Amino acid sequence: MSQFKVIIVGGGPTGLTAGHCLGKAGIDFEILEARPDLDFPGGTTVAIWSQNVRVLDQLGLMDEAYSMCAPIMDKLNILPDGSKLARNNLPSLTGILLVQSPRATFLALIEVPLVLDMNGSM
């Protein structure tokens, strides 16, 4: 373990992902979260775009993400007047499969291995 400890403020998607990255690098960390439970009512859908796919793959989580999440096949750009600007097939555009999931599903994906392989504390 490292000679210093990183404090991560917030146990949302960014904070949990930062914890994974620090743990993989052997850096001690602690995640501070105000809410008692990460799976709070509300929230939204999380889209996992190409840069996030790369990070999750490096953390060994992308195969599970593919099994838990729905694929994003097309992107539609709409102008303020409601007219269609463009429609793109994302797998052919990016070369990888992008996915989406409810926020709670995504948090469970990144929280569970972090708790099981605790290099920091939560």
Foldseek 3Di string as FASTA:
>chain_A
DDPDEAEAEALFPVSLLVLLVCVVVLHAYDYDHPDPDPPDPDAFKDKQDDVNLVSCVVSVLNVVCVVQWAWDQKDWDADPVGHTDDMDGVCVVPVDTITMDTRNSSSCSSVVVCPVSPSYYD
